[in-house]
Amino acid sequence: MYELSRDLFYKAKSLLENGHSHPEIVSIIENNNPGWIFTDQLNSPKSALVWSKGMEGFYLIGDHHNEAFTGQLHEFITIHI
């Protein structure tokens, strides 16, 4: 699991292409609202967890069948978030 720096948030935007994009997610990716983005890969993410500081909640975007990512979610959220 990797945390994207704010200047790399744009890499997660492609994960919204085939799904329903919530305005909160787009706003975070475009650096208009505070939040964090955690991905399975730094260069070409397939899945991501987007944490909204304002909403105090998260969104999962991208490939929900990505076992390498989803298998780490419980532990990652419990320990780091």
PDB file of N, CA and C in Angstrom:
ATOM      1  N   MET A   1       0.860  -1.166   0.000  1.00  0.00           N
ATOM      2  CA  MET A   1       0.000   0.000   0.000  1.00  0.00           C
ATOM      3  C   MET A   1       0.908   1.232   0.000  1.00  0.00           C
ATOM      4  N   TYR A   2       0.642   2.152  -0.896  1.00  0.00           N
ATOM      5  CA  TYR A   2       1.470   3.351  -1.041  1.00  0.00           C
ATOM      6  C   TYR A   2       0.617   4.606  -0.896  1.00  0.00           C
ATOM      7  N   GLU A   3       1.164   5.581  -0.225  1.00  0.00           N
ATOM      8  CA  GLU A   3       0.486   6.879  -0.114  1.00  0.00           C
ATOM      9  C   GLU A   3       1.007   7.789  -1.217  1.00  0.00           C
ATOM     10  N   LEU A   4       0.087   8.328  -2.001  1.00  0.00           N
ATOM     11  CA  LEU A   4       0.487   9.283  -3.033  1.00  0.00           C
ATOM     12  C   LEU A   4       0.698  10.648  -2.410  1.00  0.00           C
ATOM     13  N   SER A   5       1.738  11.333  -2.819  1.00  0.00           N
ATOM     14  CA  SER A   5       1.920  12.725  -2.398  1.00  0.00           C
ATOM     15  C   SER A   5       0.910  13.567  -3.185  1.00  0.00           C
ATOM     16  N   ARG A   6       0.571  14.726  -2.669  1.00  0.00           N
ATOM     17  CA  ARG A   6      -0.471  15.565  -3.280  1.00  0.00           C
ATOM     18  C   ARG A   6      -0.177  15.870  -4.751  1.00  0.00           C
ATOM     19  N   ASP A   7       1.092  16.010  -5.097  1.00  0.00           N
ATOM     20  CA  ASP A   7       1.433  16.310  -6.488  1.00  0.00           C
ATOM     21  C   ASP A   7       1.261  15.100  -7.412  1.00  0.00           C
ATOM     22  N   LEU A   8       0.989  13.921  -6.845  1.00  0.00           N
ATOM     23  CA  LEU A   8       0.763  12.719  -7.650  1.00  0.00           C
ATOM     24  C   LEU A   8      -0.689  12.241  -7.611  1.00  0.00           C
ATOM     25  N   PHE A   9      -1.572  12.980  -6.969  1.00  0.00           N
ATOM     26  CA  PHE A   9      -2.980  12.592  -6.883  1.00  0.00           C
ATOM     27  C   PHE A   9      -3.597  12.378  -8.266  1.00  0.00           C
ATOM     28  N   TYR A  10      -3.126  13.120  -9.256  1.00  0.00           N
ATOM     29  CA  TYR A  10      -3.670  12.995 -10.605  1.00  0.00           C
ATOM     30  C   TYR A  10      -3.599  11.563 -11.127  1.00  0.00           C
ATOM     31  N   LYS A  11      -2.670  10.763 -10.622  1.00  0.00           N
ATOM     32  CA  LYS A  11      -2.518   9.382 -11.084  1.00  0.00           C
ATOM     33  C   LYS A  11      -3.734   8.528 -10.735  1.00  0.00           C
ATOM     34  N   ALA A  12      -4.515   8.940  -9.761  1.00  0.00           N
ATOM     35  CA  ALA A  12      -5.697   8.178  -9.356  1.00  0.00           C
ATOM     36  C   ALA A  12      -6.927   8.557 -10.181  1.00  0.00           C
ATOM     37  N   LYS A  13      -6.868   9.626 -10.939  1.00  0.00           N
ATOM     38  CA  LYS A  13      -8.033  10.095 -11.691  1.00  0.00           C
ATOM     39  C   LYS A  13      -8.513   9.066 -12.716  1.00  0.00           C
ATOM     40  N   SER A  14      -7.603   8.334 -13.312  1.00  0.00           N
ATOM     41  CA  SER A  14      -8.002   7.329 -14.308  1.00  0.00           C
ATOM     42  C   SER A  14      -8.846   6.220 -13.687  1.00  0.00           C
ATOM     43  N   LEU A  15      -8.778   6.042 -12.382  1.00  0.00           N
ATOM     44  CA  LEU A  15      -9.566   5.011 -11.706  1.00  0.00           C
ATOM     45  C   LEU A  15     -11.047   5.361 -11.650  1.00  0.00           C
ATOM     46  N   LEU A  16     -11.379   6.591 -11.974  1.00  0.00           N
ATOM     47  CA  LEU A  16     -12.777   7.033 -11.966  1.00  0.00           C
ATOM     48  C   LEU A  16     -13.451   6.874 -13.319  1.00  0.00           C
ATOM     49  N   GLU A  17     -12.710   6.542 -14.347  1.00  0.00           N
ATOM     50  CA  GLU A  17     -13.236   6.513 -15.710  1.00  0.00           C
ATOM     51  C   GLU A  17     -14.384   5.534 -15.921  1.00  0.00           C
ATOM     52  N   ASN A  18     -14.351   4.378 -15.281  1.00  0.00           N
ATOM     53  CA  ASN A  18     -15.375   3.357 -15.518  1.00  0.00           C
ATOM     54  C   ASN A  18     -16.386   3.232 -14.383  1.00  0.00           C
ATOM     55  N   GLY A  19     -16.365   4.155 -13.445  1.00  0.00           N
ATOM     56  CA  GLY A  19     -17.274   4.053 -12.316  1.00  0.00           C
ATOM     57  C   GLY A  19     -17.962   5.363 -12.029  1.00  0.00           C
ATOM     58  N   HIS A  20     -18.749   5.332 -10.986  1.00  0.00           N
ATOM     59  CA  HIS A  20     -19.461   6.536 -10.564  1.00  0.00           C
ATOM     60  C   HIS A  20     -18.493   7.417  -9.777  1.00  0.00           C
ATOM     61  N   SER A  21     -18.280   8.614 -10.261  1.00  0.00           N
ATOM     62  CA  SER A  21     -17.333   9.496  -9.559  1.00  0.00           C
ATOM     63  C   SER A  21     -18.096  10.448  -8.638  1.00  0.00           C
ATOM     64  N   HIS A  22     -17.782  10.377  -7.386  1.00  0.00           N
ATOM     65  CA  HIS A  22     -18.357  11.276  -6.401  1.00  0.00           C
ATOM     66  C   HIS A  22     -17.619  12.612  -6.460  1.00  0.00           C
ATOM     67  N   PRO A  23     -18.325  13.714  -6.328  1.00  0.00           N
ATOM     68  CA  PRO A  23     -17.665  15.023  -6.360  1.00  0.00           C
ATOM     69  C   PRO A  23     -16.567  15.154  -5.301  1.00  0.00           C
ATOM     70  N   GLU A  24     -16.755  14.489  -4.151  1.00  0.00           N
ATOM     71  CA  GLU A  24     -15.744  14.558  -3.089  1.00  0.00           C
ATOM     72  C   GLU A  24     -14.417  13.959  -3.542  1.00  0.00           C
ATOM     73  N   ILE A  25     -14.501  12.841  -4.256  1.00  0.00           N
ATOM     74  CA  ILE A  25     -13.282  12.182  -4.725  1.00  0.00           C
ATOM     75  C   ILE A  25     -12.570  13.052  -5.752  1.00  0.00           C
ATOM     76  N   VAL A  26     -13.314  13.559  -6.706  1.00  0.00           N
ATOM     77  CA  VAL A  26     -12.724  14.410  -7.750  1.00  0.00           C
ATOM     78  C   VAL A  26     -12.077  15.634  -7.110  1.00  0.00           C
ATOM     79  N   SER A  27     -12.738  16.222  -6.132  1.00  0.00           N
ATOM     80  CA  SER A  27     -12.220  17.405  -5.471  1.00  0.00           C
ATOM     81  C   SER A  27     -10.907  17.127  -4.747  1.00  0.00           C
ATOM     82  N   ILE A  28     -10.795  15.962  -4.139  1.00  0.00           N
ATOM     83  CA  ILE A  28      -9.549  15.589  -3.461  1.00  0.00           C
ATOM     84  C   ILE A  28      -8.447  15.356  -4.493  1.00  0.00           C
ATOM     85  N   ILE A  29      -8.762  14.603  -5.551  1.00  0.00           N
ATOM     86  CA  ILE A  29      -7.774  14.312  -6.596  1.00  0.00           C
ATOM     87  C   ILE A  29      -7.261  15.606  -7.240  1.00  0.00           C
ATOM     88  N   GLU A  30      -8.152  16.580  -7.383  1.00  0.00           N
ATOM     89  CA  GLU A  30      -7.764  17.855  -7.988  1.00  0.00           C
ATOM     90  C   GLU A  30      -7.191  18.847  -6.959  1.00  0.00           C
ATOM     91  N   ASN A  31      -6.937  18.390  -5.763  1.00  0.00           N
ATOM     92  CA  ASN A  31      -6.340  19.199  -4.689  1.00  0.00           C
ATOM     93  C   ASN A  31      -7.198  20.389  -4.273  1.00  0.00           C
ATOM     94  N   ASN A  32      -8.509  20.251  -4.381  1.00  0.00           N
ATOM     95  CA  ASN A  32      -9.413  21.310  -3.933  1.00  0.00           C
ATOM     96  C   ASN A  32      -9.935  21.070  -2.524  1.00  0.00           C
ATOM     97  N   ASN A  33      -9.890  19.833  -2.060  1.00  0.00           N
ATOM     98  CA  ASN A  33     -10.291  19.478  -0.700  1.00  0.00           C
ATOM     99  C   ASN A  33      -9.195  18.632  -0.079  1.00  0.00           C
ATOM    100  N   PRO A  34      -9.060  18.704   1.249  1.00  0.00           N
ATOM    101  CA  PRO A  34      -8.010  17.922   1.907  1.00  0.00           C
ATOM    102  C   PRO A  34      -8.349  16.441   1.967  1.00  0.00           C
ATOM    103  N   GLY A  35      -7.338  15.640   1.805  1.00  0.00           N
ATOM    104  CA  GLY A  35      -7.509  14.197   1.895  1.00  0.00           C
ATOM    105  C   GLY A  35      -6.214  13.482   1.581  1.00  0.00           C
ATOM    106  N   TRP A  36      -6.293  12.176   1.573  1.00  0.00           N
ATOM    107  CA  TRP A  36      -5.146  11.331   1.290  1.00  0.00           C
ATOM    108  C   TRP A  36      -5.572  10.264   0.302  1.00  0.00           C
ATOM    109  N   ILE A  37      -4.618   9.795  -0.487  1.00  0.00           N
ATOM    110  CA  ILE A  37      -4.888   8.718  -1.432  1.00  0.00           C
ATOM    111  C   ILE A  37      -3.824   7.637  -1.250  1.00  0.00           C
ATOM    112  N   PHE A  38      -4.300   6.408  -1.071  1.00  0.00           N
ATOM    113  CA  PHE A  38      -3.440   5.250  -0.905  1.00  0.00           C
ATOM    114  C   PHE A  38      -3.735   4.294  -2.052  1.00  0.00           C
ATOM    115  N   THR A  39      -2.688   3.824  -2.721  1.00  0.00           N
ATOM    116  CA  THR A  39      -2.861   2.988  -3.907  1.00  0.00           C
ATOM    117  C   THR A  39      -2.078   1.685  -3.799  1.00  0.00           C
ATOM    118  N   ASP A  40      -2.367   0.801  -4.729  1.00  0.00           N
ATOM    119  CA  ASP A  40      -1.635  -0.460  -4.792  1.00  0.00           C
ATOM    120  C   ASP A  40      -0.286  -0.302  -5.470  1.00  0.00           C
ATOM    121  N   GLN A  41      -0.160   0.710  -6.328  1.00  0.00           N
ATOM    122  CA  GLN A  41       1.087   0.964  -7.058  1.00  0.00           C
ATOM    123  C   GLN A  41       1.288   2.474  -7.177  1.00  0.00           C
ATOM    124  N   LEU A  42       2.521   2.901  -7.167  1.00  0.00           N
ATOM    125  CA  LEU A  42       2.786   4.338  -7.301  1.00  0.00           C
ATOM    126  C   LEU A  42       2.654   4.830  -8.738  1.00  0.00           C
ATOM    127  N   ASN A  43       3.172   4.068  -9.692  1.00  0.00           N
ATOM    128  CA  ASN A  43       3.227   4.564 -11.065  1.00  0.00           C
ATOM    129  C   ASN A  43       1.950   4.366 -11.859  1.00  0.00           C
ATOM    130  N   SER A  44       1.304   3.248 -11.684  1.00  0.00           N
ATOM    131  CA  SER A  44       0.113   2.939 -12.472  1.00  0.00           C
ATOM    132  C   SER A  44      -0.918   2.233 -11.586  1.00  0.00           C
ATOM    133  N   PRO A  45      -1.577   2.990 -10.709  1.00  0.00           N
ATOM    134  CA  PRO A  45      -2.504   2.360  -9.761  1.00  0.00           C
ATOM    135  C   PRO A  45      -3.682   1.677 -10.441  1.00  0.00           C
ATOM    136  N   LYS A  46      -4.081   0.550  -9.852  1.00  0.00           N
ATOM    137  CA  LYS A  46      -5.261  -0.173 -10.313  1.00  0.00           C
ATOM    138  C   LYS A  46      -6.412   0.006  -9.327  1.00  0.00           C
ATOM    139  N   SER A  47      -6.072   0.250  -8.062  1.00  0.00           N
ATOM    140  CA  SER A  47      -7.062   0.413  -6.999  1.00  0.00           C
ATOM    141  C   SER A  47      -6.555   1.463  -6.026  1.00  0.00           C
ATOM    142  N   ALA A  48      -7.505   2.150  -5.381  1.00  0.00           N
ATOM    143  CA  ALA A  48      -7.108   3.178  -4.417  1.00  0.00           C
ATOM    144  C   ALA A  48      -8.151   3.352  -3.330  1.00  0.00           C
ATOM    145  N   LEU A  49      -7.671   3.760  -2.175  1.00  0.00           N
ATOM    146  CA  LEU A  49      -8.503   4.181  -1.071  1.00  0.00           C
ATOM    147  C   LEU A  49      -8.314   5.690  -0.963  1.00  0.00           C
ATOM    148  N   VAL A  50      -9.400   6.418  -1.046  1.00  0.00           N
ATOM    149  CA  VAL A  50      -9.347   7.879  -0.966  1.00  0.00           C
ATOM    150  C   VAL A  50      -9.962   8.280   0.372  1.00  0.00           C
ATOM    151  N   TRP A  51      -9.180   8.896   1.239  1.00  0.00           N
ATOM    152  CA  TRP A  51      -9.653   9.345   2.550  1.00  0.00           C
ATOM    153  C   TRP A  51      -9.992  10.822   2.461  1.00  0.00           C
ATOM    154  N   SER A  52     -11.234  11.148   2.803  1.00  0.00           N
ATOM    155  CA  SER A  52     -11.692  12.535   2.801  1.00  0.00           C
ATOM    156  C   SER A  52     -11.592  13.091   4.209  1.00  0.00           C
ATOM    157  N   LYS A  53     -10.750  14.081   4.394  1.00  0.00           N
ATOM    158  CA  LYS A  53     -10.599  14.681   5.720  1.00  0.00           C
ATOM    159  C   LYS A  53     -11.887  15.383   6.143  1.00  0.00           C
ATOM    160  N   GLY A  54     -12.519  16.099   5.216  1.00  0.00           N
ATOM    161  CA  GLY A  54     -13.737  16.833   5.527  1.00  0.00           C
ATOM    162  C   GLY A  54     -14.907  15.932   5.868  1.00  0.00           C
ATOM    163  N   MET A  55     -15.068  14.849   5.126  1.00  0.00           N
ATOM    164  CA  MET A  55     -16.175  13.908   5.346  1.00  0.00           C
ATOM    165  C   MET A  55     -15.835  12.889   6.436  1.00  0.00           C
ATOM    166  N   GLU A  56     -14.554  12.799   6.762  1.00  0.00           N
ATOM    167  CA  GLU A  56     -14.047  11.809   7.716  1.00  0.00           C
ATOM    168  C   GLU A  56     -14.504  10.406   7.330  1.00  0.00           C
ATOM    169  N   GLY A  57     -14.304  10.113   6.063  1.00  0.00           N
ATOM    170  CA  GLY A  57     -14.661   8.807   5.543  1.00  0.00           C
ATOM    171  C   GLY A  57     -13.814   8.480   4.338  1.00  0.00           C
ATOM    172  N   PHE A  58     -14.007   7.298   3.799  1.00  0.00           N
ATOM    173  CA  PHE A  58     -13.183   6.893   2.664  1.00  0.00           C
ATOM    174  C   PHE A  58     -14.021   6.323   1.546  1.00  0.00           C
ATOM    175  N   TYR A  59     -13.398   6.277   0.382  1.00  0.00           N
ATOM    176  CA  TYR A  59     -13.993   5.724  -0.826  1.00  0.00           C
ATOM    177  C   TYR A  59     -12.993   4.749  -1.427  1.00  0.00           C
ATOM    178  N   LEU A  60     -13.484   3.671  -1.996  1.00  0.00           N
ATOM    179  CA  LEU A  60     -12.643   2.738  -2.724  1.00  0.00           C
ATOM    180  C   LEU A  60     -12.937   2.928  -4.197  1.00  0.00           C
ATOM    181  N   ILE A  61     -11.883   3.098  -4.980  1.00  0.00           N
ATOM    182  CA  ILE A  61     -12.051   3.314  -6.415  1.00  0.00           C
ATOM    183  C   ILE A  61     -11.132   2.370  -7.180  1.00  0.00           C
ATOM    184  N   GLY A  62     -11.492   2.129  -8.424  1.00  0.00           N
ATOM    185  CA  GLY A  62     -10.672   1.271  -9.281  1.00  0.00           C
ATOM    186  C   GLY A  62     -11.156  -0.167  -9.269  1.00  0.00           C
ATOM    187  N   ASP A  63     -10.228  -1.075  -9.430  1.00  0.00           N
ATOM    188  CA  ASP A  63     -10.510  -2.505  -9.548  1.00  0.00           C
ATOM    189  C   ASP A  63     -10.811  -3.124  -8.188  1.00  0.00           C
ATOM    190  N   HIS A  64     -12.090  -3.454  -7.941  1.00  0.00           N
ATOM    191  CA  HIS A  64     -12.452  -4.039  -6.649  1.00  0.00           C
ATOM    192  C   HIS A  64     -12.146  -5.539  -6.584  1.00  0.00           C
ATOM    193  N   HIS A  65     -11.672  -6.122  -7.683  1.00  0.00           N
ATOM    194  CA  HIS A  65     -11.250  -7.527  -7.700  1.00  0.00           C
ATOM    195  C   HIS A  65      -9.741  -7.655  -7.486  1.00  0.00           C
ATOM    196  N   ASN A  66      -9.068  -6.567  -7.226  1.00  0.00           N
ATOM    197  CA  ASN A  66      -7.616  -6.552  -7.045  1.00  0.00           C
ATOM    198  C   ASN A  66      -7.273  -7.101  -5.653  1.00  0.00           C
ATOM    199  N   GLU A  67      -7.051  -8.412  -5.569  1.00  0.00           N
ATOM    200  CA  GLU A  67      -6.806  -9.079  -4.283  1.00  0.00           C
ATOM    201  C   GLU A  67      -5.546  -8.577  -3.577  1.00  0.00           C
ATOM    202  N   ALA A  68      -4.545  -8.188  -4.339  1.00  0.00           N
ATOM    203  CA  ALA A  68      -3.323  -7.661  -3.723  1.00  0.00           C
ATOM    204  C   ALA A  68      -3.628  -6.393  -2.930  1.00  0.00           C
ATOM    205  N   PHE A  69      -4.610  -5.634  -3.377  1.00  0.00           N
ATOM    206  CA  PHE A  69      -5.008  -4.400  -2.697  1.00  0.00           C
ATOM    207  C   PHE A  69      -6.049  -4.678  -1.610  1.00  0.00           C
ATOM    208  N   THR A  70      -7.131  -5.341  -1.982  1.00  0.00           N
ATOM    209  CA  THR A  70      -8.221  -5.563  -1.020  1.00  0.00           C
ATOM    210  C   THR A  70      -7.792  -6.442   0.152  1.00  0.00           C
ATOM    211  N   GLY A  71      -6.838  -7.332  -0.075  1.00  0.00           N
ATOM    212  CA  GLY A  71      -6.336  -8.187   1.000  1.00  0.00           C
ATOM    213  C   GLY A  71      -5.599  -7.426   2.084  1.00  0.00           C
ATOM    214  N   GLN A  72      -5.118  -6.236   1.766  1.00  0.00           N
ATOM    215  CA  GLN A  72      -4.364  -5.423   2.724  1.00  0.00           C
ATOM    216  C   GLN A  72      -5.230  -4.379   3.424  1.00  0.00           C
ATOM    217  N   LEU A  73      -6.441  -4.170   2.955  1.00  0.00           N
ATOM    218  CA  LEU A  73      -7.266  -3.060   3.451  1.00  0.00           C
ATOM    219  C   LEU A  73      -7.550  -3.110   4.943  1.00  0.00           C
ATOM    220  N   HIS A  74      -8.013  -4.244   5.440  1.00  0.00           N
ATOM    221  CA  HIS A  74      -8.380  -4.328   6.849  1.00  0.00           C
ATOM    222  C   HIS A  74      -7.205  -3.971   7.756  1.00  0.00           C
ATOM    223  N   GLU A  75      -6.075  -4.601   7.519  1.00  0.00           N
ATOM    224  CA  GLU A  75      -4.888  -4.333   8.334  1.00  0.00           C
ATOM    225  C   GLU A  75      -4.429  -2.885   8.186  1.00  0.00           C
ATOM    226  N   PHE A  76      -4.434  -2.379   6.969  1.00  0.00           N
ATOM    227  CA  PHE A  76      -3.982  -1.006   6.727  1.00  0.00           C
ATOM    228  C   PHE A  76      -4.865   0.013   7.450  1.00  0.00           C
ATOM    229  N   ILE A  77      -6.174  -0.163   7.323  1.00  0.00           N
ATOM    230  CA  ILE A  77      -7.100   0.777   7.976  1.00  0.00           C
ATOM    231  C   ILE A  77      -6.983   0.667   9.494  1.00  0.00           C
ATOM    232  N   THR A  78      -6.890  -0.536  10.013  1.00  0.00           N
ATOM    233  CA  THR A  78      -6.801  -0.739  11.467  1.00  0.00           C
ATOM    234  C   THR A  78      -5.531  -0.122  12.046  1.00  0.00           C
ATOM    235  N   ILE A  79      -4.435  -0.302  11.370  1.00  0.00           N
ATOM    236  CA  ILE A  79      -3.133   0.158  11.902  1.00  0.00           C
ATOM    237  C   ILE A  79      -2.843   1.623  11.567  1.00  0.00           C
ATOM    238  N   HIS A  80      -3.110   2.036  10.334  1.00  0.00           N
ATOM    239  CA  HIS A  80      -2.672   3.350   9.881  1.00  0.00           C
ATOM    240  C   HIS A  80      -3.743   4.429   9.895  1.00  0.00           C
ATOM    241  N   ILE A  81      -4.990   4.038   9.805  1.00  0.00           N
ATOM    242  CA  ILE A  81      -6.039   5.044   9.737  1.00  0.00           C
ATOM    243  C   ILE A  81      -6.901   4.934  10.972  1.00  0.00           C
TER     244      ILE A  81
END
